[in-house]
Protein backbone atom coordinates (compact mmCIF):
# COMPACT_ATOMS: atom_id res chain seq x y z
CA UNK A 1 37.45 -14.00 19.53
CA UNK A 2 34.14 -14.45 21.40
CA UNK A 3 33.34 -10.75 21.06
CA UNK A 4 34.08 -10.84 17.34
CA UNK A 5 31.76 -13.83 16.87
CA UNK A 6 29.00 -12.09 18.83
CA UNK A 7 29.34 -8.95 16.73
CA UNK A 8 29.18 -10.97 13.52
CA UNK A 9 26.11 -12.87 14.81
CA UNK A 10 24.31 -9.60 15.65
CA UNK A 11 25.22 -8.27 12.22
CA UNK A 12 23.74 -11.37 10.55
CA UNK A 13 20.53 -10.96 12.56
CA UNK A 14 20.24 -7.32 11.47
CA UNK A 15 20.71 -8.21 7.81
CA UNK A 16 18.16 -11.01 8.09
CA UNK A 17 15.39 -8.51 8.95
CA UNK A 18 15.92 -6.61 5.70
CA UNK A 19 14.24 -7.71 2.50
CA UNK A 20 14.38 -6.50 -1.08
CA UNK A 21 11.08 -5.39 -2.63
CA UNK A 22 9.92 -3.54 -5.71
CA UNK A 23 7.97 -0.46 -4.73
CA UNK A 24 6.57 2.62 -6.46
CA UNK A 25 8.50 5.87 -6.39
CA UNK A 26 6.90 7.92 -3.64
CA UNK A 27 4.65 10.87 -4.45
CA UNK A 28 4.39 12.13 -0.87
CA UNK A 29 6.73 12.71 2.00
CA UNK A 30 5.86 12.58 5.69
CA UNK A 31 4.97 16.29 5.91
CA UNK A 32 2.72 16.14 2.84
CA UNK A 33 0.94 13.04 4.16
CA UNK A 34 0.17 14.81 7.44
CA UNK A 35 -1.13 17.90 5.61
CA UNK A 36 -3.59 15.78 3.61
CA UNK A 37 -5.25 14.60 6.83
CA UNK A 38 -5.02 17.77 8.89
CA UNK A 39 -8.80 18.33 9.13
CA UNK A 40 -9.99 14.72 9.14
CA UNK A 41 -9.64 13.79 12.81
CA UNK A 42 -12.62 14.90 14.91
CA UNK A 43 -10.75 14.67 18.20
CA UNK A 44 -7.79 16.65 16.88
CA UNK A 45 -10.17 19.32 15.55
CA UNK A 46 -11.94 19.64 18.92
CA UNK A 47 -8.58 19.99 20.66
CA UNK A 48 -7.72 22.74 18.23
CA UNK A 49 -10.99 24.58 18.99
CA UNK A 50 -10.34 24.32 22.74
CA UNK A 51 -6.86 25.69 22.33
CA UNK A 52 -8.05 28.57 20.15
CA UNK A 53 -11.12 29.44 22.25
CA UNK A 54 -9.94 28.91 25.81
CA UNK A 55 -6.21 28.94 25.42
CA UNK A 56 -5.90 25.38 26.62
CA UNK A 57 -5.75 21.89 25.27
CA UNK A 58 -2.16 22.03 24.10
CA UNK A 59 -3.02 22.50 20.44
CA UNK A 60 -3.02 19.58 18.04
CA UNK A 61 0.22 17.59 18.31
CA UNK A 62 1.44 16.01 15.11
CA UNK A 63 0.62 12.32 14.74
CA UNK A 64 3.25 9.64 14.81
CA UNK A 65 3.83 8.67 11.19
CA UNK A 66 4.61 5.12 10.07
CA UNK A 67 5.37 3.88 6.57
CA UNK A 68 4.25 0.38 5.51
CA UNK A 69 4.16 -1.45 2.18
CA UNK A 70 1.03 -3.11 0.75
CA UNK A 71 1.40 -5.81 -1.97
CA UNK A 72 -0.31 -5.79 -5.37
CA UNK A 73 0.28 -7.72 -8.56
CA UNK A 74 0.47 -5.64 -11.75
CA UNK A 75 -0.56 -7.66 -14.81
CA UNK A 76 0.41 -6.48 -18.29
CA UNK A 77 -2.61 -7.66 -20.26
CA UNK A 78 -3.07 -8.26 -24.00
CA UNK A 79 -6.43 -9.08 -25.58
CA UNK A 80 -7.70 -9.61 -29.13
CA UNK A 81 -11.49 -9.53 -29.15
CA UNK A 82 -14.35 -9.52 -31.60
CA UNK A 83 -16.86 -6.70 -31.52
CA UNK A 84 -19.64 -7.09 -34.07
CA UNK A 85 -17.78 -8.05 -37.26
CA UNK A 86 -14.42 -6.49 -36.49
CA UNK A 87 -11.53 -7.68 -34.39
CA UNK A 88 -9.68 -5.26 -32.16
CA UNK A 89 -6.61 -5.52 -29.94
CA UNK A 90 -6.04 -3.96 -26.57
CA UNK A 91 -3.12 -3.64 -24.16
CA UNK A 92 -3.74 -2.46 -20.61
CA UNK A 93 -2.72 -2.88 -16.99
CA UNK A 94 -4.76 -4.85 -14.50
CA UNK A 95 -4.15 -5.14 -10.80
CA UNK A 96 -4.74 -7.99 -8.37
CA UNK A 97 -4.79 -7.20 -4.67
CA UNK A 98 -2.27 -9.68 -3.25
CA UNK A 99 -4.23 -9.87 0.02
CA UNK A 100 -7.92 -9.97 -0.96
CA UNK A 101 -7.59 -11.23 -4.55
CA UNK A 102 -9.76 -8.40 -5.91
CA UNK A 103 -9.11 -7.69 -9.59
CA UNK A 104 -9.58 -4.51 -11.59
CA UNK A 105 -8.15 -2.36 -14.35
CA UNK A 106 -5.46 0.05 -13.17
CA UNK A 107 -7.22 3.41 -13.47
CA UNK A 108 -4.44 5.66 -12.18
CA UNK A 109 -1.19 6.67 -13.80
CA UNK A 110 1.48 4.56 -12.18
CA UNK A 111 4.76 6.17 -11.17
CA UNK A 112 8.04 4.46 -11.87
CA UNK A 113 9.05 1.67 -9.55
CA UNK A 114 12.39 0.68 -8.10
CA UNK A 115 13.96 -2.09 -6.01
CA UNK A 116 14.59 -1.13 -2.40
CA UNK A 117 15.80 -2.75 0.81
CA UNK A 118 13.30 -2.27 3.66
CA UNK A 119 12.80 -3.70 7.12
CA UNK A 120 10.77 -6.90 6.82
CA UNK A 121 8.52 -5.85 9.70
CA UNK A 122 6.98 -3.01 7.65
CA UNK A 123 6.17 -5.22 4.65
CA UNK A 124 2.69 -6.77 4.52
CA UNK A 125 3.07 -10.33 3.29
CA UNK A 126 1.14 -11.34 0.13
CA UNK A 127 -1.55 -13.97 0.62
CA UNK A 128 -1.68 -14.89 -3.09
CA UNK A 129 1.07 -16.40 -5.21
CA UNK A 130 1.80 -15.17 -8.71
CA UNK A 131 0.01 -18.18 -10.25
CA UNK A 132 -3.04 -17.58 -8.04
CA UNK A 133 -3.12 -13.93 -9.16
CA UNK A 134 -3.08 -15.10 -12.78
CA UNK A 135 -6.00 -17.45 -12.05
CA UNK A 136 -7.95 -14.52 -10.60
CA UNK A 137 -7.25 -12.54 -13.79
CA UNK A 138 -8.41 -15.46 -15.98
CA UNK A 139 -11.70 -15.59 -14.12
CA UNK A 140 -12.20 -11.83 -14.47
CA UNK A 141 -11.10 -10.91 -17.99
CA UNK A 142 -14.11 -12.02 -20.06
CA UNK A 143 -16.72 -10.34 -17.87
CA UNK A 144 -14.64 -7.17 -17.83
CA UNK A 145 -14.20 -7.08 -21.61
CA UNK A 146 -17.87 -7.85 -22.19
CA UNK A 147 -19.01 -5.09 -19.85
CA UNK A 148 -16.61 -2.31 -20.83
CA UNK A 149 -15.91 -3.05 -24.51
CA UNK A 150 -18.99 -5.11 -25.43
CA UNK A 151 -16.70 -7.90 -26.60
CA UNK A 152 -18.61 -10.80 -28.12
CA UNK A 153 -15.63 -13.17 -28.14
CA UNK A 154 -12.09 -13.15 -26.81
CA UNK A 155 -10.03 -14.51 -29.68
CA UNK A 156 -6.72 -14.23 -27.87
CA UNK A 157 -5.84 -13.11 -24.38
CA UNK A 158 -2.90 -13.45 -22.07
CA UNK A 159 -0.33 -11.74 -19.91
CA UNK A 160 2.86 -10.21 -21.27
CA UNK A 161 4.26 -9.89 -17.77
CA UNK A 162 3.29 -9.94 -14.09
CA UNK A 163 5.13 -8.35 -11.21
CA UNK A 164 4.64 -7.90 -7.50
CA UNK A 165 4.86 -4.22 -6.52
CA UNK A 166 4.39 -2.75 -3.05
CA UNK A 167 2.41 0.46 -2.54
CA UNK A 168 3.65 2.70 0.29
CA UNK A 169 0.98 3.58 2.85
CA UNK A 170 1.40 6.35 5.40
CA UNK A 171 -0.20 5.51 8.75
CA UNK A 172 -0.88 8.59 10.86
CA UNK A 173 -1.20 7.39 14.43
CA UNK A 174 -3.34 9.84 16.43
CA UNK A 175 -3.23 7.75 19.58
CA UNK A 176 -6.07 5.31 18.94
CA UNK A 177 -7.19 3.13 16.08
CA UNK A 178 -10.48 5.05 15.84
CA UNK A 179 -8.69 8.35 15.21
CA UNK A 180 -5.77 7.08 13.13
CA UNK A 181 -5.67 7.50 9.36
CA UNK A 182 -4.01 5.84 6.38
CA UNK A 183 -2.93 7.58 3.18
CA UNK A 184 -2.15 5.67 0.00
CA UNK A 185 1.00 7.15 -1.52
CA UNK A 186 -0.16 5.92 -4.93
CA UNK A 187 -3.67 7.41 -5.08
CA UNK A 188 -3.28 9.98 -2.25
CA UNK A 189 -6.64 8.78 -0.92
CA UNK A 190 -7.19 8.93 2.82
CA UNK A 191 -9.21 6.48 4.90
CA UNK A 192 -9.58 5.57 8.53
CA UNK A 193 -7.20 2.80 9.55
CA UNK A 194 -10.17 0.72 10.73
CA UNK A 195 -11.69 0.87 7.20
CA UNK A 196 -8.79 -1.11 5.66
CA UNK A 197 -8.69 -4.51 7.33
CA UNK A 198 -5.05 -5.34 6.64
CA UNK A 199 -3.86 -1.90 7.73
CA UNK A 200 -6.05 -2.20 10.82
CA UNK A 201 -4.46 -5.55 11.67
CA UNK A 202 -1.00 -4.07 11.15
CA UNK A 203 -1.87 -1.23 13.53
CA UNK A 204 -3.25 -3.59 16.18
CA UNK A 205 -0.33 -6.01 15.97
CA UNK A 206 2.56 -3.58 15.55
CA UNK A 207 1.54 -0.12 16.74
CA UNK A 208 -1.15 -0.33 19.41
CA UNK A 209 1.47 -1.21 22.02
CA UNK A 210 2.65 2.38 21.78
CA UNK A 211 6.11 1.59 20.41
CA UNK A 212 7.13 4.96 18.95
CA UNK A 213 10.51 3.67 17.85
CA UNK A 214 9.25 0.95 15.54
CA UNK A 215 11.07 0.23 12.24
CA UNK A 216 8.12 1.75 10.33
CA UNK A 217 8.56 5.01 12.28
CA UNK A 218 12.31 5.04 11.68
CA UNK A 219 11.79 4.37 7.96
CA UNK A 220 9.38 7.29 7.63
CA UNK A 221 11.73 9.58 9.50
CA UNK A 222 14.76 8.66 7.44
CA UNK A 223 13.27 8.74 3.93
C-alpha cells in the first residue's frame, strides 16, 4: 500500500511539471537548426582549421541542442481610419512581446499553431498579462497608423481576438555563453545567446551548470 501511494505521488509530481501551451508548428528540426549556425562560431571554426591543417583538434563536435518556448501575444487588429476625405478599413496582425512589451506589426507569414503539452521548465513565463498587452497596443496603434498609412483620424479601432502563442527557440550550446547561439524557429534568424537577454538568462540559470540531460535537451531529441 505504501509503495502504491509513493508511485502515485511520483506520478502526480511528474504531471505537475507539464503544462499546456499554444505554440507555432515548427519549421526546423534539430539538424536543420545546427546547419544554419555551422559557420557562425569562431571557436568552432578555428578548431575545424586546426583539424584540417594539422590533423588535430578533434574536429568540431556538434553542439548540445535545447528547445525553449518564448511567449508573444498575437493581436487580431481592426481599424477604420480617415485618410484625406476617404475612410478605409484595415485588418492586420500585431504582436506584443510578452516579456519586454515591445509592439509591432507581424511582418512574417505565421505558420499554423497547435496546443501542446511541454515540460514547464522549458517555457519562458510571460511578464505581461493579456490586458497589459492590450494596453500596449492601445498606446501604439495611432502612431503606427499615422506613420505607415498617413491616417488623419482613427474612426474605429479594436481587437477581434488576442492569443498567447509561444515561439520555439533552438539554443545551440557550444560550451560557453559567448559561443552559444539561438535560432528562432519562426523567423529562422540566428543570434548569439548573449544578445537576447531572456534567452541569456535561461542559459545562465538552466544550462550553464552543464546539465546535458535537461528537459529542454530531451524535448529537442524526442521531437
